[in-house]
């Protein structure tokens, strides 16, 4: 996750793990430090930031053509497939089962046997635990001891868990599934002093990481502190794909409400990516960015959406940056009596939102990430560090666009891991030579 200055200490993993599809079960403990308000933004923050909402509310709708494309978000999605016409992403390439793309050279995995990993996740819930469980299976298959430190997403718990992990002298520590490395800087330094490498997963956006050009894939201060490597996420790419789907579906005439949360990473970059994509590909589209504290999404989004629909009869698309907000957007649409006219486009691929898509209604698109695939990607980077080979800069973890046409691929009802195929299993195992 990327665009953010250090967040308040009260930022919990119910905020940071949105990107791992955990918000549906963890919202009650997030973002309590700032006053509740709703703000319309005319431009995204120019630098990485996770700003708590505060002060006056504004209502300042702007067209995409005036979006500021400078700053935190990369202006081009380096990992995206570009359409043959050169306009936007190639949507069709994201609608089928993703193909495995090798992240780097093969290596002798026998070197990892007998080593140990300590894993501190951002929080512990269904989605996070799905990833942890698969990681443990992969680690143990290759003779690596895997110790997980479950927690409820409080930074104090991260610190305590990391102190305990360091005392256990593992061969590697993983800050997993969007744990904010900036909030445990002292522990990263302590691990470095103890000779323990540290990697962070699913926190930084891939394009942002590429733009930094650092040895560890994060900001230089984190590299200097002792962060060894990262496994990044396609946050901005997912948002660009959502924007391009809306542009195509609307015939380049969309009125869109983007719902963000400035107190939650990685929203600044995602907003910038959306505005940049609309500005480049659909100058006639109208884009209204609304900022609502993540903890207020359940209570504020329904009214926000229904009021906006009453005010703008041409508003046809609601884009909450994460699935956590999709059901509340649906509530607002239903309240306004526009279930057959307004579409919800979202990101995470959570079971509950895929079910809404499967049932028919306002949810039209959900861009998902494969949890078991992520587990293999995280372990690939971990194995490389343990084996003493160079970490890779991009694990090429994929996304898939789910619509009414393909959502049944996830199962009926949808499952956490369905719809992505299993090409990654053979792909990674071929890279891990001389193993098991």
Protein backbone atom coordinates (compact mmCIF):
# COMPACT_ATOMS: atom_id res chain seq x y z
CA UNK A 1 0.00 0.00 0.00
CA UNK A 2 1.58 3.15 -0.79
CA UNK A 3 0.55 6.74 -0.67
CA UNK A 4 0.78 7.88 2.93
CA UNK A 5 2.75 9.77 5.55
CA UNK A 6 2.90 8.03 8.94
CA UNK A 7 -0.63 7.45 10.16
CA UNK A 8 -1.81 8.05 13.67
CA UNK A 9 -1.00 5.28 16.09
CA UNK A 10 -4.69 4.55 16.33
CA UNK A 11 -4.75 3.27 12.78
CA UNK A 12 -5.45 -0.44 13.19
CA UNK A 13 -5.31 -3.38 10.86
CA UNK A 14 -9.04 -3.07 10.37
CA UNK A 15 -7.86 -0.15 8.24
CA UNK A 16 -4.61 -1.52 6.86
CA UNK A 17 -5.97 -4.94 5.96
CA UNK A 18 -8.81 -3.65 3.85
CA UNK A 19 -6.64 -4.49 0.94
CA UNK A 20 -6.56 -8.09 2.09
CA UNK A 21 -10.34 -8.14 2.05
CA UNK A 22 -10.69 -8.11 5.80
CA UNK A 23 -12.72 -4.99 6.36
CA UNK A 24 -16.04 -6.78 6.38
CA UNK A 25 -15.21 -8.27 9.73
CA UNK A 26 -12.93 -5.69 11.30
CA UNK A 27 -14.43 -2.22 10.93
CA UNK A 28 -15.43 -1.55 14.51
CA UNK A 29 -11.87 -1.02 15.73
CA UNK A 30 -10.56 1.41 13.12
CA UNK A 31 -9.88 5.10 12.73
CA UNK A 32 -11.39 6.37 15.98
CA UNK A 33 -8.94 9.20 16.42
CA UNK A 34 -10.46 11.83 14.11
CA UNK A 35 -13.73 13.62 13.94
CA UNK A 36 -16.27 12.16 11.55
CA UNK A 37 -16.97 14.05 8.39
CA UNK A 38 -17.42 13.64 4.67
CA UNK A 39 -15.22 15.58 2.28
CA UNK A 40 -15.32 15.85 -1.47
CA UNK A 41 -11.81 16.01 -2.90
CA UNK A 42 -10.89 17.81 -6.09
CA UNK A 43 -7.44 16.22 -6.19
CA UNK A 44 -5.59 13.44 -4.41
CA UNK A 45 -2.66 14.03 -2.12
CA UNK A 46 0.54 14.59 -4.04
CA UNK A 47 2.66 12.56 -1.64
CA UNK A 48 2.10 9.25 0.15
CA UNK A 49 -0.20 9.99 3.04
CA UNK A 50 -2.85 8.53 5.29
CA UNK A 51 -4.45 11.72 6.52
CA UNK A 52 -7.10 11.60 9.17
CA UNK A 53 -10.23 13.52 8.21
CA UNK A 54 -10.93 16.69 10.10
CA UNK A 55 -12.04 20.29 9.79
CA UNK A 56 -14.70 21.58 7.46
CA UNK A 57 -16.61 19.50 5.00
CA UNK A 58 -16.46 20.54 1.39
CA UNK A 59 -18.67 19.77 -1.56
CA UNK A 60 -16.71 20.44 -4.69
CA UNK A 61 -17.52 18.13 -7.59
CA UNK A 62 -14.98 18.14 -10.39
CA UNK A 63 -14.63 16.59 -13.80
CA UNK A 64 -11.90 14.07 -14.41
CA UNK A 65 -10.26 16.34 -16.93
CA UNK A 66 -9.07 18.63 -14.14
CA UNK A 67 -7.48 15.86 -12.06
CA UNK A 68 -3.94 16.42 -10.83
CA UNK A 69 -1.89 13.45 -11.97
CA UNK A 70 1.27 14.43 -10.09
CA UNK A 71 2.59 12.97 -6.89
CA UNK A 72 2.20 9.67 -5.11
CA UNK A 73 0.54 7.53 -7.76
CA UNK A 74 2.49 6.38 -10.74
CA UNK A 75 1.01 7.86 -13.89
CA UNK A 76 1.23 4.53 -15.66
CA UNK A 77 0.47 1.03 -14.44
CA UNK A 78 3.64 -0.80 -15.33
CA UNK A 79 2.13 -4.19 -14.51
CA UNK A 80 -1.11 -3.61 -16.41
CA UNK A 81 -2.06 -4.93 -19.81
CA UNK A 82 -2.67 -2.07 -22.24
CA UNK A 83 -5.49 -2.38 -24.73
CA UNK A 84 -4.52 -2.84 -28.38
CA UNK A 85 -5.86 0.61 -29.16
CA UNK A 86 -3.57 2.13 -26.54
CA UNK A 87 -6.53 3.51 -24.59
CA UNK A 88 -6.66 2.27 -21.02
CA UNK A 89 -6.17 -1.26 -19.78
CA UNK A 90 -7.08 -4.34 -21.77
CA UNK A 91 -10.14 -5.37 -19.79
CA UNK A 92 -10.49 -8.72 -21.54
CA UNK A 93 -7.07 -9.78 -20.27
CA UNK A 94 -8.35 -9.58 -16.69
CA UNK A 95 -11.64 -11.41 -17.17
CA UNK A 96 -10.28 -14.98 -17.44
CA UNK A 97 -8.25 -17.11 -15.07
CA UNK A 98 -4.89 -15.38 -14.58
CA UNK A 99 -1.70 -16.84 -15.98
CA UNK A 100 1.39 -17.39 -13.87
CA UNK A 101 4.23 -14.95 -14.57
CA UNK A 102 7.59 -15.96 -13.18
CA UNK A 103 8.89 -13.36 -10.73
CA UNK A 104 12.54 -14.32 -11.17
CA UNK A 105 15.06 -17.10 -11.68
CA UNK A 106 14.74 -20.55 -10.15
CA UNK A 107 16.90 -21.39 -7.14
CA UNK A 108 17.95 -24.29 -4.94
CA UNK A 109 15.28 -24.41 -2.25
CA UNK A 110 17.07 -27.15 -0.31
CA UNK A 111 18.99 -24.35 1.38
CA UNK A 112 15.89 -23.34 3.37
CA UNK A 113 15.39 -26.70 5.07
CA UNK A 114 15.67 -26.45 8.85
CA UNK A 115 15.28 -22.68 8.94
CA UNK A 116 12.52 -20.77 10.71
CA UNK A 117 10.10 -17.94 9.95
CA UNK A 118 8.19 -15.73 12.37
CA UNK A 119 5.07 -14.19 10.83
CA UNK A 120 3.27 -11.20 12.35
CA UNK A 121 0.10 -10.40 10.38
CA UNK A 122 -1.71 -7.08 10.38
CA UNK A 123 -4.64 -8.81 12.07
CA UNK A 124 -6.22 -12.25 12.35
CA UNK A 125 -9.54 -12.95 10.67
CA UNK A 126 -10.98 -15.16 7.94
CA UNK A 127 -9.14 -13.59 5.02
CA UNK A 128 -5.84 -13.11 6.77
CA UNK A 129 -5.97 -16.60 8.25
CA UNK A 130 -6.65 -18.11 4.82
CA UNK A 131 -3.33 -16.69 3.64
CA UNK A 132 -1.48 -17.66 6.83
CA UNK A 133 -2.75 -21.23 6.69
CA UNK A 134 -1.60 -21.70 3.10
CA UNK A 135 1.78 -20.13 3.87
CA UNK A 136 2.27 -22.58 6.72
CA UNK A 137 1.48 -25.54 4.45
CA UNK A 138 4.03 -24.36 1.89
CA UNK A 139 6.69 -23.62 4.52
CA UNK A 140 6.37 -27.01 6.19
CA UNK A 141 6.47 -28.82 2.85
CA UNK A 142 10.00 -27.52 2.36
CA UNK A 143 11.16 -28.07 5.94
CA UNK A 144 10.76 -24.54 7.27
CA UNK A 145 9.42 -23.96 10.78
CA UNK A 146 6.53 -21.49 10.61
CA UNK A 147 5.42 -19.55 13.68
CA UNK A 148 2.44 -17.22 13.45
CA UNK A 149 1.71 -14.44 15.94
CA UNK A 150 -2.07 -13.81 15.76
CA UNK A 151 -3.36 -10.45 16.94
CA UNK A 152 -6.34 -8.11 16.73
CA UNK A 153 -4.68 -5.43 14.67
CA UNK A 154 -3.42 -3.11 17.39
CA UNK A 155 0.03 -1.56 16.85
CA UNK A 156 0.89 -2.33 20.48
CA UNK A 157 0.23 -5.99 19.71
CA UNK A 158 2.46 -5.80 16.63
CA UNK A 159 5.28 -4.41 18.79
CA UNK A 160 4.81 -7.07 21.46
CA UNK A 161 4.67 -9.86 18.88
CA UNK A 162 7.78 -8.62 17.10
CA UNK A 163 9.71 -8.31 20.34
CA UNK A 164 8.75 -11.88 21.14
CA UNK A 165 9.66 -13.00 17.63
CA UNK A 166 13.09 -11.34 17.75
CA UNK A 167 13.81 -12.98 21.09
CA UNK A 168 13.13 -16.34 19.44
CA UNK A 169 15.91 -15.67 16.89
CA UNK A 170 14.15 -16.84 13.71
CA UNK A 171 15.92 -16.80 10.38
CA UNK A 172 13.34 -14.42 8.90
CA UNK A 173 10.50 -12.18 10.08
CA UNK A 174 7.51 -11.41 7.83
CA UNK A 175 5.35 -8.34 8.44
CA UNK A 176 2.38 -9.90 6.74
CA UNK A 177 -0.77 -8.87 4.90
CA UNK A 178 -0.43 -5.10 5.19
CA UNK A 179 1.12 -4.62 8.61
CA UNK A 180 2.42 -1.04 8.46
CA UNK A 181 6.21 -1.27 8.69
CA UNK A 182 6.50 2.40 9.63
CA UNK A 183 4.76 1.72 12.93
CA UNK A 184 7.30 -0.92 13.96
CA UNK A 185 10.46 0.85 12.83
CA UNK A 186 12.21 0.25 16.17
CA UNK A 187 11.54 -3.48 15.89
CA UNK A 188 12.86 -3.59 12.32
CA UNK A 189 16.05 -1.94 13.57
CA UNK A 190 16.25 -4.41 16.46
CA UNK A 191 15.87 -7.31 14.03
CA UNK A 192 18.65 -5.88 11.88
CA UNK A 193 20.90 -5.64 14.92
CA UNK A 194 20.13 -9.28 15.69
CA UNK A 195 20.96 -10.28 12.12
CA UNK A 196 17.37 -11.16 11.23
CA UNK A 197 16.08 -10.08 7.79
CA UNK A 198 12.57 -8.65 7.58
CA UNK A 199 10.15 -8.55 4.65
CA UNK A 200 6.80 -6.77 4.37
CA UNK A 201 3.89 -8.02 2.27
CA UNK A 202 0.88 -6.41 0.60
CA UNK A 203 1.49 -2.94 2.00
CA UNK A 204 3.04 -0.97 -0.87
CA UNK A 205 1.55 -0.57 -4.33
CA UNK A 206 3.69 -2.27 -6.98
CA UNK A 207 3.98 0.74 -9.28
CA UNK A 208 4.89 2.98 -6.36
CA UNK A 209 7.53 0.50 -5.23
CA UNK A 210 8.97 0.38 -8.73
CA UNK A 211 9.16 4.17 -8.81
CA UNK A 212 11.25 4.28 -5.62
CA UNK A 213 14.10 2.26 -7.08
CA UNK A 214 15.34 1.19 -3.64
CA UNK A 215 17.05 -2.06 -2.73
CA UNK A 216 14.20 -3.26 -0.51
CA UNK A 217 11.22 -2.06 -2.55
CA UNK A 218 10.11 0.36 0.17
CA UNK A 219 11.11 3.89 1.11
CA UNK A 220 14.81 4.41 1.78
CA UNK A 221 14.34 4.98 5.51
CA UNK A 222 12.78 1.53 5.82
CA UNK A 223 15.59 -0.03 3.81
CA UNK A 224 18.13 1.69 6.06
CA UNK A 225 16.29 0.48 9.16
CA UNK A 226 16.60 -3.12 8.05
CA UNK A 227 13.69 -3.98 5.79
CA UNK A 228 15.09 -6.52 3.34
CA UNK A 229 12.36 -6.90 0.73
CA UNK A 230 8.68 -6.45 -0.02
CA UNK A 231 5.91 -8.26 -1.84
CA UNK A 232 3.69 -5.54 -3.24
CA UNK A 233 0.09 -5.28 -4.36
CA UNK A 234 -1.66 -4.06 -7.55
CA UNK A 235 -3.80 -1.46 -5.78
CA UNK A 236 -3.52 1.28 -8.39
CA UNK A 237 -3.84 -1.15 -11.27
CA UNK A 238 -7.10 -2.50 -9.85
CA UNK A 239 -8.48 1.03 -9.63
CA UNK A 240 -7.48 1.84 -13.21
CA UNK A 241 -9.18 -1.34 -14.39
CA UNK A 242 -12.34 -0.36 -12.53
CA UNK A 243 -12.26 3.08 -14.13
CA UNK A 244 -11.80 1.62 -17.60
CA UNK A 245 -14.71 -0.78 -17.09
CA UNK A 246 -16.93 2.15 -16.12
CA UNK A 247 -15.76 4.17 -19.12
CA UNK A 248 -16.54 1.33 -21.50
CA UNK A 249 -19.86 0.47 -19.88
CA UNK A 250 -21.05 4.07 -19.94
CA UNK A 251 -19.94 4.85 -23.47
CA UNK A 252 -17.50 7.43 -22.06
CA UNK A 253 -20.27 9.46 -20.43
CA UNK A 254 -20.16 8.32 -16.82
CA UNK A 255 -21.02 10.29 -13.71
CA UNK A 256 -19.04 8.51 -10.97
CA UNK A 257 -18.82 8.80 -7.20
CA UNK A 258 -15.55 7.47 -5.80
CA UNK A 259 -15.72 6.77 -2.05
CA UNK A 260 -12.38 6.87 -0.28
CA UNK A 261 -11.07 7.07 3.29
CA UNK A 262 -8.08 9.34 3.85
CA UNK A 263 -7.34 7.61 7.15
CA UNK A 264 -6.76 4.28 5.41
CA UNK A 265 -3.79 3.31 3.32
CA UNK A 266 -3.43 2.98 0.31
CA UNK A 267 -6.30 5.22 -0.71
CA UNK A 268 -4.41 8.34 -1.82
CA UNK A 269 -2.68 6.50 -4.65
CA UNK A 270 -5.84 4.66 -5.64
CA UNK A 271 -7.79 7.91 -5.88
CA UNK A 272 -5.02 9.47 -7.92
CA UNK A 273 -4.98 6.42 -10.22
CA UNK A 274 -8.75 6.64 -10.75
CA UNK A 275 -8.71 10.36 -11.47
CA UNK A 276 -5.73 10.04 -13.78
CA UNK A 277 -7.37 7.21 -15.74
CA UNK A 278 -10.65 9.08 -16.14
CA UNK A 279 -8.79 12.24 -17.14
CA UNK A 280 -6.80 10.44 -19.83
CA UNK A 281 -9.45 8.09 -21.17
CA UNK A 282 -12.72 9.93 -20.54
CA UNK A 283 -12.48 13.72 -20.31
CA UNK A 284 -16.28 13.96 -20.47
CA UNK A 285 -16.76 11.74 -17.44
CA UNK A 286 -17.69 13.49 -14.20
CA UNK A 287 -15.85 12.19 -11.13
CA UNK A 288 -16.81 13.16 -7.58
CA UNK A 289 -14.45 11.91 -4.85
CA UNK A 290 -16.00 11.62 -1.39
CA UNK A 291 -13.84 11.08 1.70
CA UNK A 292 -15.41 9.29 4.66
CA UNK A 293 -13.58 7.95 7.71
CA UNK A 294 -13.32 4.20 7.32
CA UNK A 295 -15.01 3.66 10.68
CA UNK A 296 -17.97 5.73 9.44
CA UNK A 297 -18.55 3.82 6.21
CA UNK A 298 -21.42 1.70 7.60
CA UNK A 299 -23.30 4.72 8.94
CA UNK A 300 -22.41 7.42 6.40
CA UNK A 301 -22.25 5.75 3.00
CA UNK A 302 -25.96 4.85 2.64
CA UNK A 303 -27.07 8.46 3.22
CA UNK A 304 -24.18 9.85 1.20
CA UNK A 305 -25.14 7.74 -1.80
CA UNK A 306 -28.91 8.23 -1.61
CA UNK A 307 -28.50 12.01 -1.23
CA UNK A 308 -26.09 12.19 -4.17
CA UNK A 309 -28.47 10.21 -6.36
CA UNK A 310 -31.26 12.63 -5.54
CA UNK A 311 -29.03 15.57 -6.36
CA UNK A 312 -27.55 14.18 -9.59
CA UNK A 313 -30.00 12.18 -11.71
CA UNK A 314 -27.14 11.23 -14.06
CA UNK A 315 -25.00 9.65 -11.34
CA UNK A 316 -24.70 6.08 -12.57
CA UNK A 317 -21.69 4.52 -10.84
CA UNK A 318 -20.57 4.22 -7.22
CA UNK A 319 -16.95 3.15 -6.73
CA UNK A 320 -16.07 2.42 -3.10
CA UNK A 321 -12.34 1.72 -3.10
CA UNK A 322 -12.83 -1.48 -1.11
CA UNK A 323 -15.49 -4.16 -0.84
CA UNK A 324 -16.13 -3.10 2.73
CA UNK A 325 -18.15 -0.17 1.37
CA UNK A 326 -20.04 -1.98 -1.38
CA UNK A 327 -23.01 -3.27 0.70
CA UNK A 328 -23.55 0.21 2.16
CA UNK A 329 -23.48 1.74 -1.31
CA UNK A 330 -26.12 -0.80 -2.35
CA UNK A 331 -28.26 0.24 0.61
CA UNK A 332 -28.09 3.87 -0.50
CA UNK A 333 -29.00 2.95 -4.07
CA UNK A 334 -31.98 0.88 -2.93
CA UNK A 335 -33.13 3.68 -0.64
CA UNK A 336 -33.05 6.08 -3.59
CA UNK A 337 -35.12 3.63 -5.65
CA UNK A 338 -32.46 3.29 -8.35
CA UNK A 339 -31.43 -0.34 -8.13
CA UNK A 340 -31.96 -0.79 -11.86
CA UNK A 341 -30.09 2.37 -12.89
CA UNK A 342 -26.97 2.66 -10.73
CA UNK A 343 -24.03 0.25 -10.61
CA UNK A 344 -21.50 -0.50 -7.88
CA UNK A 345 -17.91 -1.26 -8.90
CA UNK A 346 -15.56 -2.45 -6.15
CA UNK A 347 -12.27 -4.16 -5.29
CA UNK A 348 -11.20 -7.12 -3.11
CA UNK A 349 -13.21 -10.10 -4.29
CA UNK A 350 -14.71 -10.88 -0.89
CA UNK A 351 -17.29 -13.65 -0.68
CA UNK A 352 -20.12 -11.40 0.46
CA UNK A 353 -19.73 -8.93 -2.41
CA UNK A 354 -19.25 -11.67 -4.98
CA UNK A 355 -22.50 -13.11 -3.66
CA UNK A 356 -24.24 -9.75 -4.25
CA UNK A 357 -22.86 -9.79 -7.78
CA UNK A 358 -24.04 -13.35 -8.26
CA UNK A 359 -27.51 -12.53 -6.98
CA UNK A 360 -27.98 -9.66 -9.43
CA UNK A 361 -28.61 -6.04 -8.52
CA UNK A 362 -26.48 -2.92 -8.25
CA UNK A 363 -23.11 -4.68 -7.82
CA UNK A 364 -21.82 -5.00 -11.37
CA UNK A 365 -18.06 -5.56 -10.95
CA UNK A 366 -15.74 -6.84 -8.25
CA UNK A 367 -12.00 -6.93 -8.90
CA UNK A 368 -10.49 -9.71 -6.83
CA UNK A 369 -7.12 -11.03 -5.69
CA UNK A 370 -6.40 -14.76 -5.12
CA UNK A 371 -5.53 -15.40 -1.47
CA UNK A 372 -3.79 -18.74 -1.93
CA UNK A 373 -1.78 -17.29 -4.80
CA UNK A 374 -0.70 -14.47 -2.50
CA UNK A 375 0.44 -17.06 0.05
CA UNK A 376 2.70 -18.70 -2.53
CA UNK A 377 4.05 -15.32 -3.62
CA UNK A 378 4.85 -14.31 -0.05
CA UNK A 379 6.61 -17.62 0.52
CA UNK A 380 8.57 -17.32 -2.73
CA UNK A 381 10.11 -14.09 -1.52
CA UNK A 382 10.68 -15.59 1.93
CA UNK A 383 12.38 -18.65 0.45
CA UNK A 384 14.65 -16.47 -1.68
CA UNK A 385 15.80 -14.51 1.36
CA UNK A 386 16.29 -17.68 3.40
CA UNK A 387 18.23 -19.32 0.56
CA UNK A 388 20.56 -16.34 0.30
CA UNK A 389 19.56 -15.38 -3.25
CA UNK A 390 18.47 -11.94 -4.39
CA UNK A 391 14.84 -11.08 -3.63
CA UNK A 392 12.64 -10.18 -6.58
CA UNK A 393 11.14 -6.75 -7.17
CA UNK A 394 7.74 -7.97 -8.40
CA UNK A 395 5.95 -11.24 -7.68
CA UNK A 396 3.39 -10.42 -10.38
CA UNK A 397 0.40 -11.34 -8.21
CA UNK A 398 -2.70 -11.02 -10.40
CA UNK A 399 -6.17 -9.58 -10.29
CA UNK A 400 -9.32 -10.85 -11.95
CA UNK A 401 -12.36 -8.82 -12.98
CA UNK A 402 -15.57 -10.55 -11.92
CA UNK A 403 -18.86 -9.65 -13.59
CA UNK A 404 -22.18 -11.43 -13.99
CA UNK A 405 -20.62 -13.31 -16.90
CA UNK A 406 -17.90 -15.08 -14.91
CA UNK A 407 -18.69 -14.76 -11.20
CA UNK A 408 -19.95 -18.33 -11.05
CA UNK A 409 -16.34 -19.41 -11.57
CA UNK A 410 -15.82 -18.53 -7.89
CA UNK A 411 -18.36 -21.18 -6.84
CA UNK A 412 -22.02 -21.16 -5.91
CA UNK A 413 -21.94 -19.68 -3.37
CA UNK A 414 -18.57 -17.99 -3.96
CA UNK A 415 -15.55 -19.27 -2.07
CA UNK A 416 -12.54 -17.35 -0.79
CA UNK A 417 -10.17 -18.95 -3.27
CA UNK A 418 -12.37 -19.86 -6.26
CA UNK A 419 -12.08 -18.38 -9.74
CA UNK A 420 -8.34 -18.05 -10.14
CA UNK A 421 -7.19 -21.50 -11.23
CA UNK A 422 -4.06 -23.18 -9.89
CA UNK A 423 -1.38 -22.33 -12.44
CA UNK A 424 0.62 -20.65 -9.70
CA UNK A 425 1.24 -23.93 -7.84
CA UNK A 426 3.16 -25.59 -10.65
CA UNK A 427 4.70 -22.25 -11.60
CA UNK A 428 6.26 -21.65 -8.21
CA UNK A 429 7.23 -25.28 -7.61
CA UNK A 430 9.18 -25.28 -10.86
CA UNK A 431 11.12 -22.26 -9.56
CA UNK A 432 11.89 -24.03 -6.29
CA UNK A 433 14.40 -26.54 -7.59
CA UNK A 434 15.75 -29.53 -5.65
CA UNK A 435 13.04 -29.10 -3.04
CA UNK A 436 11.13 -31.36 -0.64
